[in-house]
Amino acid sequence: MTDHTQDAIVVVQTYSDIAAAVSAKEKLEEAGITATIDDMDVVGMTPLAGTAVKIFSKDLEKAKQVLAG
């Protein structure tokens, strides 16, 4: 198993709606990339902030390719 303790968590993409963020998270996970969605409970309280999808920084380049495809 990979040790993620030394790996920074970064935002790979921010979405204006939760459905798009969930879809992106699922695509990333299908590609073997661990992804999380930032605080789904507060969506709507700050609608201009968007919903951030976060990953480990070591996966950033692969994640960008997955989301671009």
PDB file of N, CA and C in Angstrom:
ATOM      1  N   MET A   1       0.851  -1.203   0.000  1.00  0.00           N
ATOM      2  CA  MET A   1       0.000   0.000   0.000  1.00  0.00           C
ATOM      3  C   MET A   1       0.887   1.253   0.000  1.00  0.00           C
ATOM      4  N   THR A   2       0.467   2.251  -0.694  1.00  0.00           N
ATOM      5  CA  THR A   2       1.225   3.489  -0.801  1.00  0.00           C
ATOM      6  C   THR A   2       1.062   4.328   0.460  1.00  0.00           C
ATOM      7  N   ASP A   3       2.161   4.939   0.894  1.00  0.00           N
ATOM      8  CA  ASP A   3       2.132   5.797   2.071  1.00  0.00           C
ATOM      9  C   ASP A   3       1.905   7.238   1.629  1.00  0.00           C
ATOM     10  N   HIS A   4       0.734   7.791   1.962  1.00  0.00           N
ATOM     11  CA  HIS A   4       0.396   9.159   1.542  1.00  0.00           C
ATOM     12  C   HIS A   4       0.730  10.208   2.602  1.00  0.00           C
ATOM     13  N   THR A   5       1.346   9.819   3.704  1.00  0.00           N
ATOM     14  CA  THR A   5       1.529  10.764   4.809  1.00  0.00           C
ATOM     15  C   THR A   5       2.405  11.954   4.441  1.00  0.00           C
ATOM     16  N   GLN A   6       3.323  11.786   3.502  1.00  0.00           N
ATOM     17  CA  GLN A   6       4.206  12.882   3.113  1.00  0.00           C
ATOM     18  C   GLN A   6       3.718  13.614   1.866  1.00  0.00           C
ATOM     19  N   ASP A   7       2.546  13.272   1.375  1.00  0.00           N
ATOM     20  CA  ASP A   7       2.041  13.836   0.129  1.00  0.00           C
ATOM     21  C   ASP A   7       1.022  14.937   0.411  1.00  0.00           C
ATOM     22  N   ALA A   8       1.242  16.097  -0.199  1.00  0.00           N
ATOM     23  CA  ALA A   8       0.328  17.217   0.005  1.00  0.00           C
ATOM     24  C   ALA A   8      -0.993  16.966  -0.711  1.00  0.00           C
ATOM     25  N   ILE A   9      -2.055  17.543  -0.169  1.00  0.00           N
ATOM     26  CA  ILE A   9      -3.374  17.474  -0.800  1.00  0.00           C
ATOM     27  C   ILE A   9      -3.599  18.797  -1.531  1.00  0.00           C
ATOM     28  N   VAL A  10      -3.995  18.686  -2.791  1.00  0.00           N
ATOM     29  CA  VAL A  10      -4.184  19.870  -3.636  1.00  0.00           C
ATOM     30  C   VAL A  10      -5.554  19.842  -4.298  1.00  0.00           C
ATOM     31  N   VAL A  11      -6.023  21.012  -4.698  1.00  0.00           N
ATOM     32  CA  VAL A  11      -7.278  21.112  -5.447  1.00  0.00           C
ATOM     33  C   VAL A  11      -6.942  20.893  -6.915  1.00  0.00           C
ATOM     34  N   VAL A  12      -7.570  19.892  -7.525  1.00  0.00           N
ATOM     35  CA  VAL A  12      -7.332  19.632  -8.938  1.00  0.00           C
ATOM     36  C   VAL A  12      -8.305  20.424  -9.807  1.00  0.00           C
ATOM     37  N   GLN A  13      -9.526  20.660  -9.283  1.00  0.00           N
ATOM     38  CA  GLN A  13     -10.533  21.401 -10.055  1.00  0.00           C
ATOM     39  C   GLN A  13     -11.607  21.903  -9.098  1.00  0.00           C
ATOM     40  N   THR A  14     -12.197  23.043  -9.414  1.00  0.00           N
ATOM     41  CA  THR A  14     -13.325  23.573  -8.654  1.00  0.00           C
ATOM     42  C   THR A  14     -14.526  23.651  -9.593  1.00  0.00           C
ATOM     43  N   TYR A  15     -15.670  23.188  -9.109  1.00  0.00           N
ATOM     44  CA  TYR A  15     -16.879  23.136  -9.927  1.00  0.00           C
ATOM     45  C   TYR A  15     -17.959  24.017  -9.328  1.00  0.00           C
ATOM     46  N   SER A  16     -18.839  24.526 -10.195  1.00  0.00           N
ATOM     47  CA  SER A  16     -19.909  25.402  -9.730  1.00  0.00           C
ATOM     48  C   SER A  16     -21.103  24.618  -9.202  1.00  0.00           C
ATOM     49  N   ASP A  17     -21.175  23.323  -9.537  1.00  0.00           N
ATOM     50  CA  ASP A  17     -22.283  22.542  -8.981  1.00  0.00           C
ATOM     51  C   ASP A  17     -21.782  21.193  -8.492  1.00  0.00           C
ATOM     52  N   ILE A  18     -22.470  20.651  -7.521  1.00  0.00           N
ATOM     53  CA  ILE A  18     -22.053  19.438  -6.845  1.00  0.00           C
ATOM     54  C   ILE A  18     -22.081  18.239  -7.785  1.00  0.00           C
ATOM     55  N   ALA A  19     -23.017  18.176  -8.715  1.00  0.00           N
ATOM     56  CA  ALA A  19     -23.104  17.040  -9.633  1.00  0.00           C
ATOM     57  C   ALA A  19     -21.841  16.915 -10.484  1.00  0.00           C
ATOM     58  N   ALA A  20     -21.337  18.023 -10.960  1.00  0.00           N
ATOM     59  CA  ALA A  20     -20.112  18.007 -11.764  1.00  0.00           C
ATOM     60  C   ALA A  20     -18.918  17.575 -10.917  1.00  0.00           C
ATOM     61  N   ALA A  21     -18.875  18.019  -9.671  1.00  0.00           N
ATOM     62  CA  ALA A  21     -17.787  17.635  -8.775  1.00  0.00           C
ATOM     63  C   ALA A  21     -17.825  16.135  -8.485  1.00  0.00           C
ATOM     64  N   VAL A  22     -19.008  15.606  -8.234  1.00  0.00           N
ATOM     65  CA  VAL A  22     -19.156  14.173  -7.966  1.00  0.00           C
ATOM     66  C   VAL A  22     -18.745  13.367  -9.195  1.00  0.00           C
ATOM     67  N   SER A  23     -19.146  13.808 -10.370  1.00  0.00           N
ATOM     68  CA  SER A  23     -18.783  13.133 -11.612  1.00  0.00           C
ATOM     69  C   SER A  23     -17.263  13.106 -11.790  1.00  0.00           C
ATOM     70  N   ALA A  24     -16.613  14.219 -11.532  1.00  0.00           N
ATOM     71  CA  ALA A  24     -15.154  14.294 -11.646  1.00  0.00           C
ATOM     72  C   ALA A  24     -14.480  13.367 -10.635  1.00  0.00           C
ATOM     73  N   LYS A  25     -14.986  13.348  -9.423  1.00  0.00           N
ATOM     74  CA  LYS A  25     -14.434  12.474  -8.382  1.00  0.00           C
ATOM     75  C   LYS A  25     -14.534  11.012  -8.818  1.00  0.00           C
ATOM     76  N   GLU A  26     -15.669  10.629  -9.381  1.00  0.00           N
ATOM     77  CA  GLU A  26     -15.861   9.254  -9.835  1.00  0.00           C
ATOM     78  C   GLU A  26     -14.900   8.904 -10.975  1.00  0.00           C
ATOM     79  N   LYS A  27     -14.700   9.836 -11.916  1.00  0.00           N
ATOM     80  CA  LYS A  27     -13.757   9.604 -13.013  1.00  0.00           C
ATOM     81  C   LYS A  27     -12.348   9.383 -12.474  1.00  0.00           C
ATOM     82  N   LEU A  28     -11.962  10.218 -11.512  1.00  0.00           N
ATOM     83  CA  LEU A  28     -10.622  10.102 -10.934  1.00  0.00           C
ATOM     84  C   LEU A  28     -10.446   8.764 -10.224  1.00  0.00           C
ATOM     85  N   GLU A  29     -11.448   8.375  -9.453  1.00  0.00           N
ATOM     86  CA  GLU A  29     -11.352   7.122  -8.711  1.00  0.00           C
ATOM     87  C   GLU A  29     -11.317   5.921  -9.657  1.00  0.00           C
ATOM     88  N   GLU A  30     -12.050   5.988 -10.765  1.00  0.00           N
ATOM     89  CA  GLU A  30     -12.004   4.912 -11.767  1.00  0.00           C
ATOM     90  C   GLU A  30     -10.606   4.781 -12.368  1.00  0.00           C
ATOM     91  N   ALA A  31      -9.864   5.889 -12.402  1.00  0.00           N
ATOM     92  CA  ALA A  31      -8.502   5.893 -12.930  1.00  0.00           C
ATOM     93  C   ALA A  31      -7.474   5.542 -11.854  1.00  0.00           C
ATOM     94  N   GLY A  32      -7.957   5.201 -10.657  1.00  0.00           N
ATOM     95  CA  GLY A  32      -7.053   4.805  -9.583  1.00  0.00           C
ATOM     96  C   GLY A  32      -6.502   5.952  -8.761  1.00  0.00           C
ATOM     97  N   ILE A  33      -7.136   7.119  -8.849  1.00  0.00           N
ATOM     98  CA  ILE A  33      -6.683   8.306  -8.114  1.00  0.00           C
ATOM     99  C   ILE A  33      -7.627   8.551  -6.939  1.00  0.00           C
ATOM    100  N   THR A  34      -7.073   8.630  -5.739  1.00  0.00           N
ATOM    101  CA  THR A  34      -7.872   8.931  -4.564  1.00  0.00           C
ATOM    102  C   THR A  34      -8.310  10.390  -4.628  1.00  0.00           C
ATOM    103  N   ALA A  35      -9.621  10.633  -4.505  1.00  0.00           N
ATOM    104  CA  ALA A  35     -10.143  12.001  -4.602  1.00  0.00           C
ATOM    105  C   ALA A  35     -11.184  12.245  -3.520  1.00  0.00           C
ATOM    106  N   THR A  36     -11.276  13.493  -3.078  1.00  0.00           N
ATOM    107  CA  THR A  36     -12.290  13.878  -2.108  1.00  0.00           C
ATOM    108  C   THR A  36     -12.969  15.153  -2.587  1.00  0.00           C
ATOM    109  N   ILE A  37     -14.174  15.371  -2.088  1.00  0.00           N
ATOM    110  CA  ILE A  37     -14.903  16.609  -2.393  1.00  0.00           C
ATOM    111  C   ILE A  37     -14.950  17.423  -1.113  1.00  0.00           C
ATOM    112  N   ASP A  38     -14.596  18.692  -1.233  1.00  0.00           N
ATOM    113  CA  ASP A  38     -14.505  19.567  -0.073  1.00  0.00           C
ATOM    114  C   ASP A  38     -15.875  19.935   0.464  1.00  0.00           C
ATOM    115  N   ASP A  39     -16.119  19.625   1.718  1.00  0.00           N
ATOM    116  CA  ASP A  39     -17.289  20.066   2.489  1.00  0.00           C
ATOM    117  C   ASP A  39     -18.583  20.185   1.714  1.00  0.00           C
ATOM    118  N   MET A  40     -19.129  19.057   1.338  1.00  0.00           N
ATOM    119  CA  MET A  40     -20.394  19.061   0.608  1.00  0.00           C
ATOM    120  C   MET A  40     -21.516  19.672   1.447  1.00  0.00           C
ATOM    121  N   ASP A  41     -21.390  19.645   2.759  1.00  0.00           N
ATOM    122  CA  ASP A  41     -22.437  20.163   3.642  1.00  0.00           C
ATOM    123  C   ASP A  41     -22.595  21.675   3.563  1.00  0.00           C
ATOM    124  N   VAL A  42     -21.544  22.388   3.188  1.00  0.00           N
ATOM    125  CA  VAL A  42     -21.638  23.849   3.155  1.00  0.00           C
ATOM    126  C   VAL A  42     -21.927  24.396   1.759  1.00  0.00           C
ATOM    127  N   VAL A  43     -22.105  23.518   0.807  1.00  0.00           N
ATOM    128  CA  VAL A  43     -22.454  23.988  -0.542  1.00  0.00           C
ATOM    129  C   VAL A  43     -23.793  24.719  -0.461  1.00  0.00           C
ATOM    130  N   GLY A  44     -23.845  25.864  -1.086  1.00  0.00           N
ATOM    131  CA  GLY A  44     -25.066  26.657  -1.015  1.00  0.00           C
ATOM    132  C   GLY A  44     -24.900  27.840  -0.076  1.00  0.00           C
ATOM    133  N   MET A  45     -24.099  27.664   0.967  1.00  0.00           N
ATOM    134  CA  MET A  45     -23.836  28.783   1.877  1.00  0.00           C
ATOM    135  C   MET A  45     -22.896  29.779   1.199  1.00  0.00           C
ATOM    136  N   THR A  46     -21.959  29.271   0.409  1.00  0.00           N
ATOM    137  CA  THR A  46     -21.029  30.123  -0.337  1.00  0.00           C
ATOM    138  C   THR A  46     -21.025  29.693  -1.800  1.00  0.00           C
ATOM    139  N   PRO A  47     -22.104  29.962  -2.525  1.00  0.00           N
ATOM    140  CA  PRO A  47     -22.232  29.446  -3.892  1.00  0.00           C
ATOM    141  C   PRO A  47     -21.170  29.940  -4.857  1.00  0.00           C
ATOM    142  N   LEU A  48     -20.575  31.088  -4.592  1.00  0.00           N
ATOM    143  CA  LEU A  48     -19.559  31.604  -5.501  1.00  0.00           C
ATOM    144  C   LEU A  48     -18.224  30.896  -5.326  1.00  0.00           C
ATOM    145  N   ALA A  49     -18.037  30.229  -4.194  1.00  0.00           N
ATOM    146  CA  ALA A  49     -16.771  29.557  -3.925  1.00  0.00           C
ATOM    147  C   ALA A  49     -16.632  28.278  -4.738  1.00  0.00           C
ATOM    148  N   GLY A  50     -17.733  27.630  -5.033  1.00  0.00           N
ATOM    149  CA  GLY A  50     -17.681  26.393  -5.798  1.00  0.00           C
ATOM    150  C   GLY A  50     -17.393  25.194  -4.913  1.00  0.00           C
ATOM    151  N   THR A  51     -17.278  24.040  -5.543  1.00  0.00           N
ATOM    152  CA  THR A  51     -17.019  22.786  -4.852  1.00  0.00           C
ATOM    153  C   THR A  51     -15.681  22.258  -5.342  1.00  0.00           C
ATOM    154  N   ALA A  52     -14.738  22.103  -4.427  1.00  0.00           N
ATOM    155  CA  ALA A  52     -13.383  21.699  -4.789  1.00  0.00           C
ATOM    156  C   ALA A  52     -13.213  20.188  -4.743  1.00  0.00           C
ATOM    157  N   VAL A  53     -12.594  19.643  -5.787  1.00  0.00           N
ATOM    158  CA  VAL A  53     -12.198  18.237  -5.800  1.00  0.00           C
ATOM    159  C   VAL A  53     -10.704  18.209  -5.489  1.00  0.00           C
ATOM    160  N   LYS A  54     -10.349  17.442  -4.448  1.00  0.00           N
ATOM    161  CA  LYS A  54      -8.956  17.407  -3.987  1.00  0.00           C
ATOM    162  C   LYS A  54      -8.351  16.028  -4.178  1.00  0.00           C
ATOM    163  N   ILE A  55      -7.030  16.042  -4.456  1.00  0.00           N
ATOM    164  CA  ILE A  55      -6.275  14.815  -4.662  1.00  0.00           C
ATOM    165  C   ILE A  55      -4.900  14.967  -4.012  1.00  0.00           C
ATOM    166  N   PHE A  56      -4.135  13.889  -4.002  1.00  0.00           N
ATOM    167  CA  PHE A  56      -2.741  13.978  -3.568  1.00  0.00           C
ATOM    168  C   PHE A  56      -1.919  14.591  -4.696  1.00  0.00           C
ATOM    169  N   SER A  57      -0.965  15.441  -4.339  1.00  0.00           N
ATOM    170  CA  SER A  57      -0.194  16.179  -5.345  1.00  0.00           C
ATOM    171  C   SER A  57       0.548  15.258  -6.306  1.00  0.00           C
ATOM    172  N   LYS A  58       0.942  14.063  -5.858  1.00  0.00           N
ATOM    173  CA  LYS A  58       1.660  13.141  -6.751  1.00  0.00           C
ATOM    174  C   LYS A  58       0.799  12.690  -7.927  1.00  0.00           C
ATOM    175  N   ASP A  59      -0.531  12.809  -7.803  1.00  0.00           N
ATOM    176  CA  ASP A  59      -1.452  12.386  -8.858  1.00  0.00           C
ATOM    177  C   ASP A  59      -1.909  13.528  -9.751  1.00  0.00           C
ATOM    178  N   LEU A  60      -1.385  14.722  -9.549  1.00  0.00           N
ATOM    179  CA  LEU A  60      -1.915  15.913 -10.219  1.00  0.00           C
ATOM    180  C   LEU A  60      -1.870  15.822 -11.745  1.00  0.00           C
ATOM    181  N   GLU A  61      -0.736  15.455 -12.320  1.00  0.00           N
ATOM    182  CA  GLU A  61      -0.638  15.400 -13.785  1.00  0.00           C
ATOM    183  C   GLU A  61      -1.592  14.362 -14.361  1.00  0.00           C
ATOM    184  N   LYS A  62      -1.629  13.176 -13.758  1.00  0.00           N
ATOM    185  CA  LYS A  62      -2.537  12.126 -14.241  1.00  0.00           C
ATOM    186  C   LYS A  62      -3.984  12.583 -14.110  1.00  0.00           C
ATOM    187  N   ALA A  63      -4.323  13.247 -12.999  1.00  0.00           N
ATOM    188  CA  ALA A  63      -5.680  13.712 -12.777  1.00  0.00           C
ATOM    189  C   ALA A  63      -6.110  14.723 -13.822  1.00  0.00           C
ATOM    190  N   LYS A  64      -5.203  15.628 -14.173  1.00  0.00           N
ATOM    191  CA  LYS A  64      -5.517  16.625 -15.207  1.00  0.00           C
ATOM    192  C   LYS A  64      -5.807  15.942 -16.539  1.00  0.00           C
ATOM    193  N   GLN A  65      -5.054  14.906 -16.853  1.00  0.00           N
ATOM    194  CA  GLN A  65      -5.276  14.167 -18.103  1.00  0.00           C
ATOM    195  C   GLN A  65      -6.619  13.454 -18.072  1.00  0.00           C
ATOM    196  N   VAL A  66      -6.961  12.850 -16.940  1.00  0.00           N
ATOM    197  CA  VAL A  66      -8.245  12.134 -16.796  1.00  0.00           C
ATOM    198  C   VAL A  66      -9.409  13.101 -16.979  1.00  0.00           C
ATOM    199  N   LEU A  67      -9.329  14.252 -16.322  1.00  0.00           N
ATOM    200  CA  LEU A  67     -10.431  15.218 -16.383  1.00  0.00           C
ATOM    201  C   LEU A  67     -10.510  15.910 -17.739  1.00  0.00           C
ATOM    202  N   ALA A  68      -9.392  16.035 -18.433  1.00  0.00           N
ATOM    203  CA  ALA A  68      -9.398  16.658 -19.754  1.00  0.00           C
ATOM    204  C   ALA A  68      -9.979  15.726 -20.812  1.00  0.00           C
ATOM    205  N   GLY A  69      -9.875  14.415 -20.562  1.00  0.00           N
ATOM    206  CA  GLY A  69     -10.323  13.427 -21.544  1.00  0.00           C
ATOM    207  C   GLY A  69     -11.764  13.204 -21.404  1.00  0.00           C
TER     208      GLY A  69
END
